[in-house]
Protein backbone atom coordinates (compact mmCIF):
# COMPACT_ATOMS: atom_id res chain seq x y z
CA MET A 1 -25.38 -20.79 -8.94
CA SER A 2 -27.42 -17.93 -7.52
CA GLU A 3 -25.89 -14.66 -6.48
CA THR A 4 -26.49 -15.53 -2.82
CA ASN A 5 -25.06 -19.05 -3.07
CA ALA A 6 -21.94 -17.74 -4.80
CA PHE A 7 -20.78 -16.43 -1.42
CA ASN A 8 -21.06 -19.85 0.20
CA VAL A 9 -17.46 -20.52 -0.85
CA GLN A 10 -16.22 -17.98 1.71
CA ASP A 11 -15.53 -20.58 4.41
CA GLN A 12 -13.73 -22.79 1.89
CA VAL A 13 -11.56 -19.94 0.60
CA ARG A 14 -10.59 -18.44 3.94
CA GLY A 15 -8.18 -21.21 4.95
CA PRO A 16 -6.24 -21.35 1.65
CA TRP A 17 -6.06 -17.53 1.60
CA ARG A 18 -4.44 -17.47 5.04
CA GLN A 19 -2.02 -20.24 4.12
CA PHE A 20 -1.14 -18.30 0.96
CA LEU A 21 -0.31 -15.17 3.00
CA ASP A 22 1.76 -17.13 5.51
CA GLN A 23 3.80 -18.85 2.79
CA LEU A 24 4.48 -15.54 1.04
CA GLU A 25 5.94 -14.01 4.20
CA PRO A 26 9.64 -14.63 3.35
CA ILE A 27 9.45 -12.93 -0.07
CA ARG A 28 7.15 -10.02 0.79
CA PRO A 29 9.81 -7.57 2.04
CA GLY A 30 11.66 -7.70 -1.29
CA LEU A 31 8.43 -7.47 -3.26
CA HIS A 32 7.39 -4.48 -1.14
CA ARG A 33 10.68 -2.66 -1.88
CA TYR A 34 10.20 -3.35 -5.57
CA CYS A 35 6.60 -2.08 -5.60
CA MET A 36 7.54 1.00 -3.59
CA SER A 37 10.32 1.80 -6.04
CA LEU A 38 7.98 1.34 -9.02
CA THR A 39 5.31 3.68 -7.66
CA GLY A 40 7.65 6.18 -6.03
CA ASN A 41 6.07 6.25 -2.55
CA VAL A 42 5.35 3.82 0.25
CA TRP A 43 1.54 4.10 0.18
CA ASP A 44 1.06 3.38 -3.51
CA GLY A 45 3.72 0.70 -3.19
CA GLU A 46 1.70 -1.05 -0.48
CA ASP A 47 -1.42 -0.81 -2.64
CA LEU A 48 0.40 -2.30 -5.64
CA LEU A 49 1.73 -5.10 -3.45
CA GLN A 50 -1.77 -5.90 -2.16
CA ASP A 51 -3.20 -5.80 -5.69
CA ALA A 52 -0.51 -8.14 -7.00
CA ILE A 53 -1.04 -10.65 -4.19
CA MET A 54 -4.79 -10.61 -4.70
CA ARG A 55 -4.40 -10.97 -8.46
CA VAL A 56 -2.08 -13.96 -8.14
CA PHE A 57 -4.32 -15.68 -5.59
CA SER A 58 -7.36 -15.18 -7.82
CA LEU A 59 -5.48 -16.65 -10.78
CA LEU A 60 -4.26 -19.77 -9.00
CA GLY A 61 -7.57 -21.56 -9.52
CA LYS A 62 -7.34 -20.95 -13.28
CA HIS A 63 -3.93 -22.55 -13.71
CA ASP A 64 -3.55 -26.29 -14.08
CA ASP A 65 0.24 -26.13 -14.30
CA HIS A 66 2.42 -25.75 -11.22
CA LEU A 67 4.09 -22.37 -10.65
CA GLU A 68 7.79 -23.14 -10.46
CA ASN A 69 8.90 -19.68 -9.32
CA PRO A 70 6.23 -17.89 -7.21
CA ARG A 71 8.57 -14.94 -6.52
CA ALA A 72 9.11 -14.29 -10.22
CA TYR A 73 5.39 -14.71 -10.91
CA LEU A 74 4.49 -12.12 -8.25
CA ILE A 75 7.08 -9.65 -9.53
CA ARG A 76 5.86 -10.09 -13.10
CA THR A 77 2.26 -9.57 -11.96
CA ALA A 78 3.16 -6.41 -10.04
CA THR A 79 5.13 -5.10 -13.03
CA ASN A 80 2.27 -5.71 -15.44
CA LEU A 81 -0.26 -4.11 -13.09
CA TRP A 82 1.97 -1.04 -12.76
CA ILE A 83 2.57 -0.81 -16.52
CA ASP A 84 -1.17 -1.01 -17.19
CA ARG A 85 -1.89 1.58 -14.51
CA THR A 86 0.80 3.95 -15.80
CA ARG A 87 -0.47 3.70 -19.36
CA ARG A 88 -4.03 4.32 -18.21
CA MET A 89 -2.96 7.37 -16.22
CA ALA A 90 -0.99 8.70 -19.18
CA ARG A 91 -4.05 8.34 -21.41
CA GLU A 92 -6.21 10.07 -18.81
CA GLN A 93 -3.66 12.86 -18.54
CA ALA A 94 -3.63 13.32 -22.31
CA ALA A 95 -7.44 13.38 -22.43
CA LEU A 96 -7.55 15.92 -19.61
CA ALA A 97 -5.04 18.11 -21.41
CA LEU A 98 -7.19 18.06 -24.55
CA GLU A 99 -10.36 18.93 -22.64
CA LYS A 100 -8.87 21.51 -20.28
CA PRO A 101 -5.45 22.69 -21.42
CA ASP A 102 -4.98 24.82 -18.31
CA ALA A 103 -6.18 22.18 -15.83
CA ILE A 104 -2.79 20.60 -15.31
CA ALA A 105 -0.62 23.67 -15.64
CA ALA A 106 1.59 24.06 -12.59
CA GLY A 107 4.13 26.63 -11.61
CA PRO A 108 7.68 25.60 -10.72
CA GLU A 109 6.78 25.77 -7.03
CA GLN A 110 4.00 23.21 -7.36
CA SER A 111 4.34 19.43 -7.19
CA LEU A 112 3.15 17.24 -10.03
CA ASP A 113 -0.12 15.52 -9.26
CA ARG A 114 -0.43 11.76 -9.68
CA LEU A 115 -1.57 11.86 -13.30
CA ALA A 116 1.12 14.30 -14.33
CA ALA A 117 3.72 12.24 -12.49
CA ALA A 118 2.56 9.08 -14.24
CA GLU A 119 2.78 10.74 -17.65
CA HIS A 120 6.17 12.19 -16.74
CA PHE A 121 7.64 8.80 -15.85
CA PHE A 122 5.95 7.04 -18.75
CA ARG A 123 7.47 9.55 -21.19
CA ASP A 124 11.01 9.71 -19.83
CA LEU A 125 11.43 6.06 -18.79
CA SER A 126 9.50 3.29 -20.44
CA PRO A 127 7.87 0.83 -18.03
CA LYS A 128 10.26 -1.94 -19.09
CA GLU A 129 13.26 0.34 -18.58
CA ARG A 130 12.13 1.21 -15.08
CA ALA A 131 11.31 -2.41 -14.27
CA ALA A 132 14.73 -3.57 -15.50
CA ILE A 133 16.52 -0.99 -13.36
CA LEU A 134 14.52 -1.87 -10.26
CA MET A 135 14.99 -5.60 -10.71
CA LYS A 136 18.74 -5.07 -10.88
CA ASP A 137 19.18 -2.36 -8.24
CA VAL A 138 16.38 -3.20 -5.78
CA LEU A 139 16.02 -6.97 -6.06
CA GLY A 140 19.51 -7.84 -7.26
CA PHE A 141 18.28 -9.85 -10.25
CA THR A 142 20.70 -10.78 -12.99
CA ALA A 143 19.81 -9.93 -16.58
CA GLU A 144 18.98 -13.60 -17.11
CA GLU A 145 16.61 -13.70 -14.12
CA SER A 146 14.97 -10.44 -15.18
CA ALA A 147 14.41 -11.82 -18.67
CA VAL A 148 12.55 -14.80 -17.20
CA VAL A 149 10.34 -12.55 -15.07
CA LEU A 150 9.56 -10.10 -17.88
CA GLN A 151 9.25 -12.92 -20.44
CA THR A 152 11.70 -11.30 -22.81
CA SER A 153 15.29 -11.80 -23.99
CA VAL A 154 18.45 -11.11 -22.02
CA ALA A 155 19.53 -8.68 -24.74
CA SER A 156 16.25 -6.78 -24.37
CA VAL A 157 16.71 -6.52 -20.60
CA LYS A 158 20.29 -5.24 -20.96
CA SER A 159 19.17 -2.75 -23.57
CA SER A 160 16.35 -1.48 -21.32
CA LEU A 161 18.76 -1.25 -18.40
CA ASN A 162 21.32 0.77 -20.35
CA ARG A 163 18.77 3.10 -21.93
CA GLY A 164 17.00 3.68 -18.63
CA ARG A 165 20.19 4.44 -16.74
CA ASP A 166 21.16 6.96 -19.39
CA ARG A 167 17.93 8.88 -18.76
CA ILE A 168 17.13 8.27 -15.10
CA ALA A 169 17.09 11.17 -12.66
CA ASP A 170 15.96 11.64 -9.10
CA ARG A 171 12.27 12.41 -9.65
CA ARG A 172 9.85 11.19 -7.05
CA PRO A 173 6.08 11.27 -7.68
CA LYS A 174 4.11 12.85 -4.87
CA ILE A 175 1.00 11.55 -3.18
CA GLY A 176 -1.84 12.30 -5.57
CA TRP A 177 -4.60 13.49 -3.26
CA ASN A 178 -5.13 16.38 -0.89
CA ALA A 179 -3.61 15.81 2.54
CA PRO A 180 -6.10 16.12 5.44
CA PRO A 181 -6.23 19.31 7.52
CA ARG A 182 -4.17 19.15 10.67
CA SER A 183 -7.16 20.18 12.81
CA VAL A 184 -9.22 17.18 11.68
CA VAL A 185 -6.33 14.77 12.30
CA GLU A 186 -5.84 16.27 15.78
CA ALA A 187 -9.53 15.82 16.58
CA PHE A 188 -9.45 12.23 15.33
CA LEU A 189 -6.37 11.50 17.45
CA ALA A 190 -7.99 12.89 20.61
CA ALA A 191 -11.21 10.92 20.08
CA LEU A 192 -9.32 7.70 19.32
CA ARG A 193 -7.11 8.14 22.38
CA ASP A 194 -10.16 8.69 24.62
CA THR A 195 -12.34 6.05 22.88
CA ASP A 196 -14.82 8.87 22.34
CA ILE A 197 -17.15 7.12 19.90
CA PRO A 198 -19.75 9.97 19.67
CA THR A 199 -17.02 12.44 18.67
CA LEU A 200 -15.55 9.98 16.18
CA LYS A 201 -18.98 9.53 14.65
CA ALA A 202 -19.45 13.29 14.38
CA LEU A 203 -16.06 13.62 12.66
CA CYS A 204 -16.88 10.94 10.07
CA ALA A 205 -19.14 11.08 7.04
CA THR A 206 -22.20 8.83 7.07
CA ASP A 207 -20.74 6.80 4.20
CA LEU A 208 -17.34 6.40 5.89
CA SER A 209 -15.05 3.81 4.33
CA ALA A 210 -12.55 2.16 6.69
CA GLU A 211 -9.93 -0.43 5.85
CA LEU A 212 -7.42 -2.55 7.66
CA VAL A 213 -5.03 -2.50 4.72
CA GLY A 214 -4.54 -6.03 3.49
CA GLY A 215 -7.55 -7.19 5.51
CA VAL A 216 -11.15 -6.32 6.19
CA GLU A 217 -12.96 -3.36 4.61
CA MET A 218 -15.85 -1.59 6.34
CA ASN A 219 -18.32 0.60 4.53
CA SER A 220 -20.09 2.55 7.26
CA PHE A 221 -19.26 4.10 10.60
CA GLU A 222 -21.30 1.46 12.41
CA SER A 223 -19.28 -1.35 10.86
CA ALA A 224 -16.00 0.50 11.53
CA LYS A 225 -16.90 1.39 15.10
CA SER A 226 -15.54 -1.87 16.50
CA ALA A 227 -12.09 -1.09 15.10
CA PHE A 228 -12.09 2.20 17.03
CA GLU A 229 -13.56 0.62 20.17
CA HIS A 230 -10.84 -2.06 20.21
CA ALA A 231 -7.98 0.38 19.72
CA HIS A 232 -6.93 -0.17 23.35
CA PHE A 233 -7.26 -3.97 23.19
CA VAL A 234 -4.25 -5.73 24.76
CA MET A 235 -3.29 -9.39 24.28
CA PRO A 236 0.51 -9.74 24.03
CA GLU A 237 0.44 -13.45 23.18
CA ILE A 238 -1.05 -12.69 19.77
CA GLY A 239 0.87 -9.47 19.18
CA PHE A 240 -1.37 -6.77 20.68
CA GLY A 241 1.12 -5.17 23.03
CA GLU A 242 0.62 -3.11 26.16
CA ASN A 243 0.56 0.63 26.81
CA PRO A 244 -1.03 1.75 23.52
CA TRP A 245 -0.58 5.45 22.80
CA TRP A 246 -0.82 7.69 19.74
CA GLU A 247 0.73 10.84 18.33
CA MET A 248 0.41 12.99 15.25
CA ILE A 249 3.25 12.78 12.77
CA GLU A 250 3.96 14.48 9.47
CA TYR A 251 5.32 12.29 6.69
CA GLU A 252 6.05 13.78 3.26
CA GLY A 253 3.73 16.71 3.91
CA GLU A 254 0.81 14.64 5.22
CA TRP A 255 -0.47 14.62 8.79
CA MET A 256 -1.39 11.19 10.13
CA VAL A 257 -1.73 9.31 13.41
CA ALA A 258 0.98 6.89 14.57
CA GLY A 259 0.15 4.29 17.22
CA TYR A 260 2.70 2.63 19.51
CA ARG A 261 2.68 -0.40 21.80
CA THR A 262 5.11 -2.22 24.03
CA LEU A 263 5.65 -5.92 23.39
CA ASN A 264 8.13 -8.04 25.35
CA GLY A 265 9.48 -4.91 26.98
CA VAL A 266 10.21 -3.17 23.67
CA GLU A 267 8.18 -0.21 22.44
CA GLY A 268 7.59 0.11 18.70
CA LEU A 269 5.37 1.51 16.00
CA ASN A 270 2.21 -0.61 15.82
CA GLU A 271 -0.02 1.13 13.29
CA ILE A 272 -0.59 4.18 11.10
CA HIS A 273 -3.98 5.82 10.57
CA ARG A 274 -4.30 7.85 7.35
CA LEU A 275 -7.37 9.99 6.77
CA GLU A 276 -9.09 11.31 3.68
CA VAL A 277 -11.23 14.37 4.33
CA GLU A 278 -13.89 16.18 2.32
CA ASP A 279 -15.74 19.25 3.62
CA ASP A 280 -14.11 18.77 7.03
CA GLN A 281 -15.52 15.27 7.40
CA ILE A 282 -13.51 12.08 7.36
CA THR A 283 -14.59 10.01 4.37
CA ARG A 284 -11.96 7.28 4.58
CA VAL A 285 -9.66 5.80 7.20
CA ARG A 286 -6.85 3.46 6.17
CA ILE A 287 -5.20 1.60 9.04
CA TYR A 288 -1.77 0.12 8.35
CA CYS A 289 -1.46 -2.44 11.12
CA PHE A 290 -0.63 -5.67 9.27
CA CYS A 291 1.79 -4.03 6.82
CA PRO A 292 5.18 -4.38 8.56
CA ASP A 293 7.26 -3.37 5.55
CA THR A 294 5.37 -0.09 5.19
CA LEU A 295 5.56 0.45 8.96
CA ARG A 296 9.33 -0.05 8.83
CA VAL A 297 9.67 2.71 6.24
CA ILE A 298 7.72 5.14 8.44
CA ALA A 299 9.44 3.99 11.64
CA GLN A 300 12.85 4.55 10.08
CA SER A 301 11.89 8.12 9.21
CA LEU A 302 10.94 8.61 12.89
CA GLY A 303 14.08 6.97 14.21
CA LYS A 304 12.02 4.20 15.80
CA GLN A 305 11.39 0.48 15.36
CA ILE A 306 8.20 -1.47 14.79
CA VAL A 307 6.40 -3.97 16.99
CA GLU A 308 7.65 -7.43 16.04
CA ARG A 309 4.64 -9.72 16.28
CA PRO A 310 4.97 -13.33 17.43
CA VAL A 311 2.59 -14.53 14.71
CA SER A 312 2.28 -13.73 11.01
CA PRO A 313 2.63 -9.94 10.73
CA TYR A 314 0.66 -9.82 7.49
CA ARG A 315 -2.78 -10.84 8.72
CA SER A 316 -4.94 -10.66 11.81
CA PRO A 317 -3.91 -13.28 14.40
CA SER A 318 -7.59 -14.19 14.75
CA ALA A 319 -7.88 -14.79 11.00
């Protein structure tokens, strides 16, 4: 099959992918809480959740046997992805320390960066210890259920749980990249509110990356422009409520844009725009619109609720 023809399966895959997302809807909130607890923050938790779902979907075509417990399979996949990622970060941290001993030194007033945080957790709590604690305390699994998910013995799970609880402390890894300047976020908010496409283009780098998290990815401003142009789009019957408006919020030290709409007479949080900035230009925009569990976490911190969509909240209604 040629490289071009390989993409001819897109139309055949789209339907099963959407069915897969719809059928996962009942178990996603619990999986999201688990992933968020593993990573230590809502954003990395959402990314881990998306990676696990994509990994499982990609593996379905390789399995001839029927998956008896999809929930356990997803949790196991997320756990393994996180363990692999933590180990890789720990190795990178060790290599960095060898090359530049002073590069990761931080005073007591400074937060650990992502690599240091990964090494810190990997050293003080083994991945299996952390997974065992989260399965018990976040998901409510018994030791027997956890053993099935982790493919180990009940005794091993109980041992990991006891050891981990003896060592656990309240240490929360911080977001591992530089938060955007408030002035840039303010300018983005004003241009989005006014549908000022020329200003948005001037704010963004030529190689802008934009993503509807869990959905489409766009790799230039021109391809992302439609997402900005349709920010005011209203169609309540498919979940795009009325009276869209935006404000700047600060969440865990990061400025971002929160968007609100009114649906069925109730106003709620509809989306979050997070920006990555280099040299005062926006290089990446991540839009959390079809991530209701992540939106609930942010909405709770604001004392608000989210827009409850009439169709699947995890994918575009047009998809």
